[in-house]
Amino acid sequence: MRPDPSIKVIQVKVKPNARVSALEEQSPGVWLAQLKSPPIDGKANEELIALVAKQFACRKSAVSIKSGASGRMKLVRIETAD
């Protein structure tokens, strides 16, 4: 069984409490997310999901955090409509 090309998993290093929100690719498959939100009550994770959805032009419901929800390094799963 081949991997589904419409599903992408990226590794994201998160920096909460940044001055501006930004998502930039540092190397293939590894991204740095600077988030304005503090890491309280899942606010930073919500902002990360919105930022990733905007970057990859997909719905927020198509983005999920696979692992690392409470850490700085996260695996984010994106379902794109390819």
PDB file of N, CA and C in Angstrom:
ATOM      1  N   MET A   1       0.833  -1.184   0.000  1.00  0.00           N
ATOM      2  CA  MET A   1       0.000   0.000   0.000  1.00  0.00           C
ATOM      3  C   MET A   1       0.876   1.246   0.000  1.00  0.00           C
ATOM      4  N   ARG A   2       0.656   2.128  -0.978  1.00  0.00           N
ATOM      5  CA  ARG A   2       1.457   3.346  -1.080  1.00  0.00           C
ATOM      6  C   ARG A   2       0.910   4.425  -0.156  1.00  0.00           C
ATOM      7  N   PRO A   3       1.791   5.320   0.311  1.00  0.00           N
ATOM      8  CA  PRO A   3       1.287   6.414   1.148  1.00  0.00           C
ATOM      9  C   PRO A   3       0.370   7.327   0.347  1.00  0.00           C
ATOM     10  N   ASP A   4      -0.613   7.883   1.012  1.00  0.00           N
ATOM     11  CA  ASP A   4      -1.577   8.763   0.366  1.00  0.00           C
ATOM     12  C   ASP A   4      -0.917  10.111   0.080  1.00  0.00           C
ATOM     13  N   PRO A   5      -0.818  10.513  -1.203  1.00  0.00           N
ATOM     14  CA  PRO A   5      -0.137  11.778  -1.528  1.00  0.00           C
ATOM     15  C   PRO A   5      -0.884  13.019  -1.035  1.00  0.00           C
ATOM     16  N   SER A   6      -2.165  12.876  -0.678  1.00  0.00           N
ATOM     17  CA  SER A   6      -2.917  14.036  -0.220  1.00  0.00           C
ATOM     18  C   SER A   6      -2.754  14.260   1.283  1.00  0.00           C
ATOM     19  N   ILE A   7      -1.968  13.394   1.941  1.00  0.00           N
ATOM     20  CA  ILE A   7      -1.696  13.576   3.369  1.00  0.00           C
ATOM     21  C   ILE A   7      -0.209  13.869   3.542  1.00  0.00           C
ATOM     22  N   LYS A   8       0.062  14.966   4.222  1.00  0.00           N
ATOM     23  CA  LYS A   8       1.437  15.394   4.421  1.00  0.00           C
ATOM     24  C   LYS A   8       1.671  15.531   5.924  1.00  0.00           C
ATOM     25  N   VAL A   9       2.837  15.114   6.389  1.00  0.00           N
ATOM     26  CA  VAL A   9       3.184  15.291   7.797  1.00  0.00           C
ATOM     27  C   VAL A   9       4.445  16.146   7.851  1.00  0.00           C
ATOM     28  N   ILE A  10       4.364  17.233   8.611  1.00  0.00           N
ATOM     29  CA  ILE A  10       5.518  18.115   8.747  1.00  0.00           C
ATOM     30  C   ILE A  10       5.916  18.185  10.222  1.00  0.00           C
ATOM     31  N   GLN A  11       7.181  18.492  10.440  1.00  0.00           N
ATOM     32  CA  GLN A  11       7.686  18.681  11.799  1.00  0.00           C
ATOM     33  C   GLN A  11       7.745  20.183  12.042  1.00  0.00           C
ATOM     34  N   VAL A  12       7.191  20.623  13.162  1.00  0.00           N
ATOM     35  CA  VAL A  12       7.129  22.058  13.452  1.00  0.00           C
ATOM     36  C   VAL A  12       7.742  22.334  14.816  1.00  0.00           C
ATOM     37  N   LYS A  13       8.673  23.289  14.834  1.00  0.00           N
ATOM     38  CA  LYS A  13       9.213  23.773  16.110  1.00  0.00           C
ATOM     39  C   LYS A  13       8.452  25.046  16.435  1.00  0.00           C
ATOM     40  N   VAL A  14       7.871  25.096  17.625  1.00  0.00           N
ATOM     41  CA  VAL A  14       6.992  26.200  17.995  1.00  0.00           C
ATOM     42  C   VAL A  14       7.685  27.138  18.966  1.00  0.00           C
ATOM     43  N   LYS A  15       7.543  28.447  18.690  1.00  0.00           N
ATOM     44  CA  LYS A  15       8.015  29.481  19.613  1.00  0.00           C
ATOM     45  C   LYS A  15       6.817  30.342  19.985  1.00  0.00           C
ATOM     46  N   PRO A  16       6.207  30.090  21.158  1.00  0.00           N
ATOM     47  CA  PRO A  16       5.057  30.905  21.567  1.00  0.00           C
ATOM     48  C   PRO A  16       5.495  32.279  22.071  1.00  0.00           C
ATOM     49  N   ASN A  17       4.515  33.166  22.263  1.00  0.00           N
ATOM     50  CA  ASN A  17       4.738  34.518  22.776  1.00  0.00           C
ATOM     51  C   ASN A  17       5.653  35.359  21.881  1.00  0.00           C
ATOM     52  N   ALA A  18       5.597  35.120  20.567  1.00  0.00           N
ATOM     53  CA  ALA A  18       6.404  35.908  19.631  1.00  0.00           C
ATOM     54  C   ALA A  18       5.689  37.230  19.340  1.00  0.00           C
ATOM     55  N   ARG A  19       6.432  38.188  18.798  1.00  0.00           N
ATOM     56  CA  ARG A  19       5.825  39.489  18.466  1.00  0.00           C
ATOM     57  C   ARG A  19       4.881  39.377  17.277  1.00  0.00           C
ATOM     58  N   VAL A  20       5.259  38.546  16.314  1.00  0.00           N
ATOM     59  CA  VAL A  20       4.418  38.358  15.124  1.00  0.00           C
ATOM     60  C   VAL A  20       4.204  36.869  14.880  1.00  0.00           C
ATOM     61  N   SER A  21       3.092  36.536  14.238  1.00  0.00           N
ATOM     62  CA  SER A  21       2.832  35.152  13.867  1.00  0.00           C
ATOM     63  C   SER A  21       3.482  34.886  12.517  1.00  0.00           C
ATOM     64  N   ALA A  22       4.233  33.807  12.431  1.00  0.00           N
ATOM     65  CA  ALA A  22       4.879  33.465  11.163  1.00  0.00           C
ATOM     66  C   ALA A  22       5.137  31.971  11.103  1.00  0.00           C
ATOM     67  N   LEU A  23       5.120  31.436   9.877  1.00  0.00           N
ATOM     68  CA  LEU A  23       5.435  30.025   9.652  1.00  0.00           C
ATOM     69  C   LEU A  23       6.413  29.978   8.494  1.00  0.00           C
ATOM     70  N   GLU A  24       7.614  29.463   8.739  1.00  0.00           N
ATOM     71  CA  GLU A  24       8.601  29.396   7.661  1.00  0.00           C
ATOM     72  C   GLU A  24       9.295  28.050   7.645  1.00  0.00           C
ATOM     73  N   GLU A  25       9.583  27.591   6.430  1.00  0.00           N
ATOM     74  CA  GLU A  25      10.241  26.292   6.264  1.00  0.00           C
ATOM     75  C   GLU A  25      11.738  26.477   6.459  1.00  0.00           C
ATOM     76  N   GLN A  26      12.325  25.715   7.370  1.00  0.00           N
ATOM     77  CA  GLN A  26      13.758  25.826   7.636  1.00  0.00           C
ATOM     78  C   GLN A  26      14.557  24.847   6.792  1.00  0.00           C
ATOM     79  N   SER A  27      13.998  23.663   6.575  1.00  0.00           N
ATOM     80  CA  SER A  27      14.573  22.660   5.688  1.00  0.00           C
ATOM     81  C   SER A  27      13.399  21.804   5.238  1.00  0.00           C
ATOM     82  N   PRO A  28      13.561  20.966   4.213  1.00  0.00           N
ATOM     83  CA  PRO A  28      12.409  20.202   3.720  1.00  0.00           C
ATOM     84  C   PRO A  28      11.707  19.411   4.829  1.00  0.00           C
ATOM     85  N   GLY A  29      10.432  19.729   5.044  1.00  0.00           N
ATOM     86  CA  GLY A  29       9.633  19.020   6.037  1.00  0.00           C
ATOM     87  C   GLY A  29       9.793  19.521   7.459  1.00  0.00           C
ATOM     88  N   VAL A  30      10.682  20.498   7.689  1.00  0.00           N
ATOM     89  CA  VAL A  30      10.887  21.050   9.034  1.00  0.00           C
ATOM     90  C   VAL A  30      10.561  22.546   9.014  1.00  0.00           C
ATOM     91  N   TRP A  31       9.624  22.934   9.858  1.00  0.00           N
ATOM     92  CA  TRP A  31       9.131  24.312   9.863  1.00  0.00           C
ATOM     93  C   TRP A  31       9.330  24.947  11.226  1.00  0.00           C
ATOM     94  N   LEU A  32       9.420  26.286  11.232  1.00  0.00           N
ATOM     95  CA  LEU A  32       9.480  27.054  12.475  1.00  0.00           C
ATOM     96  C   LEU A  32       8.217  27.909  12.530  1.00  0.00           C
ATOM     97  N   ALA A  33       7.462  27.766  13.612  1.00  0.00           N
ATOM     98  CA  ALA A  33       6.241  28.558  13.789  1.00  0.00           C
ATOM     99  C   ALA A  33       6.452  29.522  14.946  1.00  0.00           C
ATOM    100  N   GLN A  34       6.317  30.809  14.651  1.00  0.00           N
ATOM    101  CA  GLN A  34       6.350  31.816  15.697  1.00  0.00           C
ATOM    102  C   GLN A  34       4.912  32.221  15.944  1.00  0.00           C
ATOM    103  N   LEU A  35       4.472  32.065  17.182  1.00  0.00           N
ATOM    104  CA  LEU A  35       3.070  32.289  17.515  1.00  0.00           C
ATOM    105  C   LEU A  35       2.933  33.396  18.541  1.00  0.00           C
ATOM    106  N   LYS A  36       1.961  34.286  18.327  1.00  0.00           N
ATOM    107  CA  LYS A  36       1.692  35.346  19.294  1.00  0.00           C
ATOM    108  C   LYS A  36       1.077  34.784  20.570  1.00  0.00           C
ATOM    109  N   SER A  37       0.303  33.725  20.428  1.00  0.00           N
ATOM    110  CA  SER A  37      -0.441  33.172  21.559  1.00  0.00           C
ATOM    111  C   SER A  37       0.476  32.538  22.598  1.00  0.00           C
ATOM    112  N   PRO A  38       0.079  32.618  23.864  1.00  0.00           N
ATOM    113  CA  PRO A  38       0.828  31.916  24.907  1.00  0.00           C
ATOM    114  C   PRO A  38       0.435  30.436  24.919  1.00  0.00           C
ATOM    115  N   PRO A  39       1.298  29.575  25.438  1.00  0.00           N
ATOM    116  CA  PRO A  39       0.972  28.140  25.471  1.00  0.00           C
ATOM    117  C   PRO A  39       0.046  27.800  26.641  1.00  0.00           C
ATOM    118  N   ILE A  40      -1.101  28.451  26.685  1.00  0.00           N
ATOM    119  CA  ILE A  40      -2.067  28.262  27.772  1.00  0.00           C
ATOM    120  C   ILE A  40      -3.410  27.847  27.174  1.00  0.00           C
ATOM    121  N   ASP A  41      -4.037  26.827  27.741  1.00  0.00           N
ATOM    122  CA  ASP A  41      -5.362  26.352  27.320  1.00  0.00           C
ATOM    123  C   ASP A  41      -5.439  26.035  25.827  1.00  0.00           C
ATOM    124  N   GLY A  42      -4.337  25.587  25.233  1.00  0.00           N
ATOM    125  CA  GLY A  42      -4.355  25.201  23.822  1.00  0.00           C
ATOM    126  C   GLY A  42      -4.416  26.358  22.842  1.00  0.00           C
ATOM    127  N   LYS A  43      -4.226  27.587  23.318  1.00  0.00           N
ATOM    128  CA  LYS A  43      -4.311  28.754  22.430  1.00  0.00           C
ATOM    129  C   LYS A  43      -3.223  28.730  21.356  1.00  0.00           C
ATOM    130  N   ALA A  44      -2.000  28.374  21.743  1.00  0.00           N
ATOM    131  CA  ALA A  44      -0.907  28.326  20.770  1.00  0.00           C
ATOM    132  C   ALA A  44      -1.168  27.231  19.731  1.00  0.00           C
ATOM    133  N   ASN A  45      -1.710  26.086  20.158  1.00  0.00           N
ATOM    134  CA  ASN A  45      -2.014  25.010  19.209  1.00  0.00           C
ATOM    135  C   ASN A  45      -3.102  25.441  18.231  1.00  0.00           C
ATOM    136  N   GLU A  46      -4.112  26.169  18.715  1.00  0.00           N
ATOM    137  CA  GLU A  46      -5.167  26.675  17.820  1.00  0.00           C
ATOM    138  C   GLU A  46      -4.581  27.626  16.785  1.00  0.00           C
ATOM    139  N   GLU A  47      -3.704  28.514  17.236  1.00  0.00           N
ATOM    140  CA  GLU A  47      -3.082  29.462  16.309  1.00  0.00           C
ATOM    141  C   GLU A  47      -2.202  28.734  15.301  1.00  0.00           C
ATOM    142  N   LEU A  48      -1.479  27.701  15.766  1.00  0.00           N
ATOM    143  CA  LEU A  48      -0.628  26.912  14.873  1.00  0.00           C
ATOM    144  C   LEU A  48      -1.466  26.248  13.778  1.00  0.00           C
ATOM    145  N   ILE A  49      -2.590  25.656  14.159  1.00  0.00           N
ATOM    146  CA  ILE A  49      -3.467  24.994  13.184  1.00  0.00           C
ATOM    147  C   ILE A  49      -3.974  26.000  12.155  1.00  0.00           C
ATOM    148  N   ALA A  50      -4.375  27.196  12.607  1.00  0.00           N
ATOM    149  CA  ALA A  50      -4.852  28.236  11.682  1.00  0.00           C
ATOM    150  C   ALA A  50      -3.732  28.678  10.737  1.00  0.00           C
ATOM    151  N   LEU A  51      -2.521  28.814  11.267  1.00  0.00           N
ATOM    152  CA  LEU A  51      -1.374  29.249  10.462  1.00  0.00           C
ATOM    153  C   LEU A  51      -1.009  28.207   9.409  1.00  0.00           C
ATOM    154  N   VAL A  52      -1.003  26.935   9.805  1.00  0.00           N
ATOM    155  CA  VAL A  52      -0.679  25.848   8.872  1.00  0.00           C
ATOM    156  C   VAL A  52      -1.757  25.743   7.788  1.00  0.00           C
ATOM    157  N   ALA A  53      -3.026  25.868   8.188  1.00  0.00           N
ATOM    158  CA  ALA A  53      -4.124  25.801   7.211  1.00  0.00           C
ATOM    159  C   ALA A  53      -4.000  26.916   6.184  1.00  0.00           C
ATOM    160  N   LYS A  54      -3.637  28.100   6.637  1.00  0.00           N
ATOM    161  CA  LYS A  54      -3.468  29.239   5.715  1.00  0.00           C
ATOM    162  C   LYS A  54      -2.284  29.001   4.776  1.00  0.00           C
ATOM    163  N   GLN A  55      -1.171  28.505   5.322  1.00  0.00           N
ATOM    164  CA  GLN A  55       0.047  28.260   4.534  1.00  0.00           C
ATOM    165  C   GLN A  55      -0.191  27.230   3.432  1.00  0.00           C
ATOM    166  N   PHE A  56      -0.931  26.168   3.759  1.00  0.00           N
ATOM    167  CA  PHE A  56      -1.138  25.083   2.802  1.00  0.00           C
ATOM    168  C   PHE A  56      -2.492  25.176   2.091  1.00  0.00           C
ATOM    169  N   ALA A  57      -3.193  26.287   2.272  1.00  0.00           N
ATOM    170  CA  ALA A  57      -4.474  26.548   1.602  1.00  0.00           C
ATOM    171  C   ALA A  57      -5.463  25.402   1.775  1.00  0.00           C
ATOM    172  N   CYS A  58      -5.704  25.042   3.036  1.00  0.00           N
ATOM    173  CA  CYS A  58      -6.687  24.008   3.325  1.00  0.00           C
ATOM    174  C   CYS A  58      -7.524  24.442   4.527  1.00  0.00           C
ATOM    175  N   ARG A  59      -8.566  23.664   4.809  1.00  0.00           N
ATOM    176  CA  ARG A  59      -9.429  23.986   5.949  1.00  0.00           C
ATOM    177  C   ARG A  59      -8.709  23.667   7.250  1.00  0.00           C
ATOM    178  N   LYS A  60      -9.094  24.374   8.316  1.00  0.00           N
ATOM    179  CA  LYS A  60      -8.509  24.108   9.633  1.00  0.00           C
ATOM    180  C   LYS A  60      -8.812  22.684  10.081  1.00  0.00           C
ATOM    181  N   SER A  61      -9.979  22.173   9.673  1.00  0.00           N
ATOM    182  CA  SER A  61     -10.364  20.808  10.062  1.00  0.00           C
ATOM    183  C   SER A  61      -9.478  19.755   9.391  1.00  0.00           C
ATOM    184  N   ALA A  62      -8.727  20.154   8.359  1.00  0.00           N
ATOM    185  CA  ALA A  62      -7.843  19.220   7.663  1.00  0.00           C
ATOM    186  C   ALA A  62      -6.460  19.167   8.313  1.00  0.00           C
ATOM    187  N   VAL A  63      -6.239  20.001   9.330  1.00  0.00           N
ATOM    188  CA  VAL A  63      -4.942  20.063  10.009  1.00  0.00           C
ATOM    189  C   VAL A  63      -5.101  19.501  11.422  1.00  0.00           C
ATOM    190  N   SER A  64      -4.210  18.600  11.814  1.00  0.00           N
ATOM    191  CA  SER A  64      -4.255  18.065  13.178  1.00  0.00           C
ATOM    192  C   SER A  64      -2.845  17.870  13.703  1.00  0.00           C
ATOM    193  N   ILE A  65      -2.713  17.957  15.018  1.00  0.00           N
ATOM    194  CA  ILE A  65      -1.422  17.738  15.657  1.00  0.00           C
ATOM    195  C   ILE A  65      -1.356  16.261  16.033  1.00  0.00           C
ATOM    196  N   LYS A  66      -0.451  15.537  15.367  1.00  0.00           N
ATOM    197  CA  LYS A  66      -0.326  14.092  15.602  1.00  0.00           C
ATOM    198  C   LYS A  66       0.372  13.792  16.910  1.00  0.00           C
ATOM    199  N   SER A  67       1.438  14.530  17.195  1.00  0.00           N
ATOM    200  CA  SER A  67       2.165  14.305  18.442  1.00  0.00           C
ATOM    201  C   SER A  67       2.837  15.592  18.876  1.00  0.00           C
ATOM    202  N   GLY A  68       3.149  15.675  20.151  1.00  0.00           N
ATOM    203  CA  GLY A  68       3.831  16.847  20.675  1.00  0.00           C
ATOM    204  C   GLY A  68       2.915  18.003  21.013  1.00  0.00           C
ATOM    205  N   ALA A  69       1.642  17.727  21.273  1.00  0.00           N
ATOM    206  CA  ALA A  69       0.675  18.799  21.546  1.00  0.00           C
ATOM    207  C   ALA A  69       1.098  19.681  22.719  1.00  0.00           C
ATOM    208  N   SER A  70       1.831  19.097  23.694  1.00  0.00           N
ATOM    209  CA  SER A  70       2.231  19.903  24.843  1.00  0.00           C
ATOM    210  C   SER A  70       3.718  20.271  24.817  1.00  0.00           C
ATOM    211  N   GLY A  71       4.410  19.939  23.729  1.00  0.00           N
ATOM    212  CA  GLY A  71       5.838  20.245  23.637  1.00  0.00           C
ATOM    213  C   GLY A  71       6.140  21.272  22.567  1.00  0.00           C
ATOM    214  N   ARG A  72       7.410  21.600  22.411  1.00  0.00           N
ATOM    215  CA  ARG A  72       7.824  22.585  21.397  1.00  0.00           C
ATOM    216  C   ARG A  72       7.911  21.965  20.006  1.00  0.00           C
ATOM    217  N   MET A  73       8.307  20.669  19.940  1.00  0.00           N
ATOM    218  CA  MET A  73       8.396  19.997  18.644  1.00  0.00           C
ATOM    219  C   MET A  73       7.107  19.217  18.407  1.00  0.00           C
ATOM    220  N   LYS A  74       6.472  19.481  17.289  1.00  0.00           N
ATOM    221  CA  LYS A  74       5.185  18.855  16.990  1.00  0.00           C
ATOM    222  C   LYS A  74       5.228  18.192  15.618  1.00  0.00           C
ATOM    223  N   LEU A  75       4.472  17.124  15.472  1.00  0.00           N
ATOM    224  CA  LEU A  75       4.225  16.539  14.159  1.00  0.00           C
ATOM    225  C   LEU A  75       2.821  16.949  13.763  1.00  0.00           C
ATOM    226  N   VAL A  76       2.713  17.628  12.638  1.00  0.00           N
ATOM    227  CA  VAL A  76       1.423  18.152  12.185  1.00  0.00           C
ATOM    228  C   VAL A  76       1.027  17.429  10.902  1.00  0.00           C
ATOM    229  N   ARG A  77      -0.207  16.922  10.887  1.00  0.00           N
ATOM    230  CA  ARG A  77      -0.735  16.186   9.742  1.00  0.00           C
ATOM    231  C   ARG A  77      -1.658  17.114   8.952  1.00  0.00           C
ATOM    232  N   ILE A  78      -1.437  17.163   7.640  1.00  0.00           N
ATOM    233  CA  ILE A  78      -2.220  18.042   6.768  1.00  0.00           C
ATOM    234  C   ILE A  78      -2.844  17.199   5.677  1.00  0.00           C
ATOM    235  N   GLU A  79      -4.154  17.316   5.524  1.00  0.00           N
ATOM    236  CA  GLU A  79      -4.839  16.653   4.422  1.00  0.00           C
ATOM    237  C   GLU A  79      -5.117  17.697   3.360  1.00  0.00           C
ATOM    238  N   THR A  80      -4.400  17.601   2.240  1.00  0.00           N
ATOM    239  CA  THR A  80      -4.587  18.566   1.163  1.00  0.00           C
ATOM    240  C   THR A  80      -5.494  17.975   0.108  1.00  0.00           C
ATOM    241  N   ALA A  81      -6.182  18.850  -0.611  1.00  0.00           N
ATOM    242  CA  ALA A  81      -7.126  18.398  -1.642  1.00  0.00           C
ATOM    243  C   ALA A  81      -6.418  18.313  -2.987  1.00  0.00           C
ATOM    244  N   ASP A  82      -5.468  17.374  -3.103  1.00  0.00           N
ATOM    245  CA  ASP A  82      -4.735  17.204  -4.360  1.00  0.00           C
ATOM    246  C   ASP A  82      -5.494  16.298  -5.313  1.00  0.00           C
TER     247      ASP A  82
END
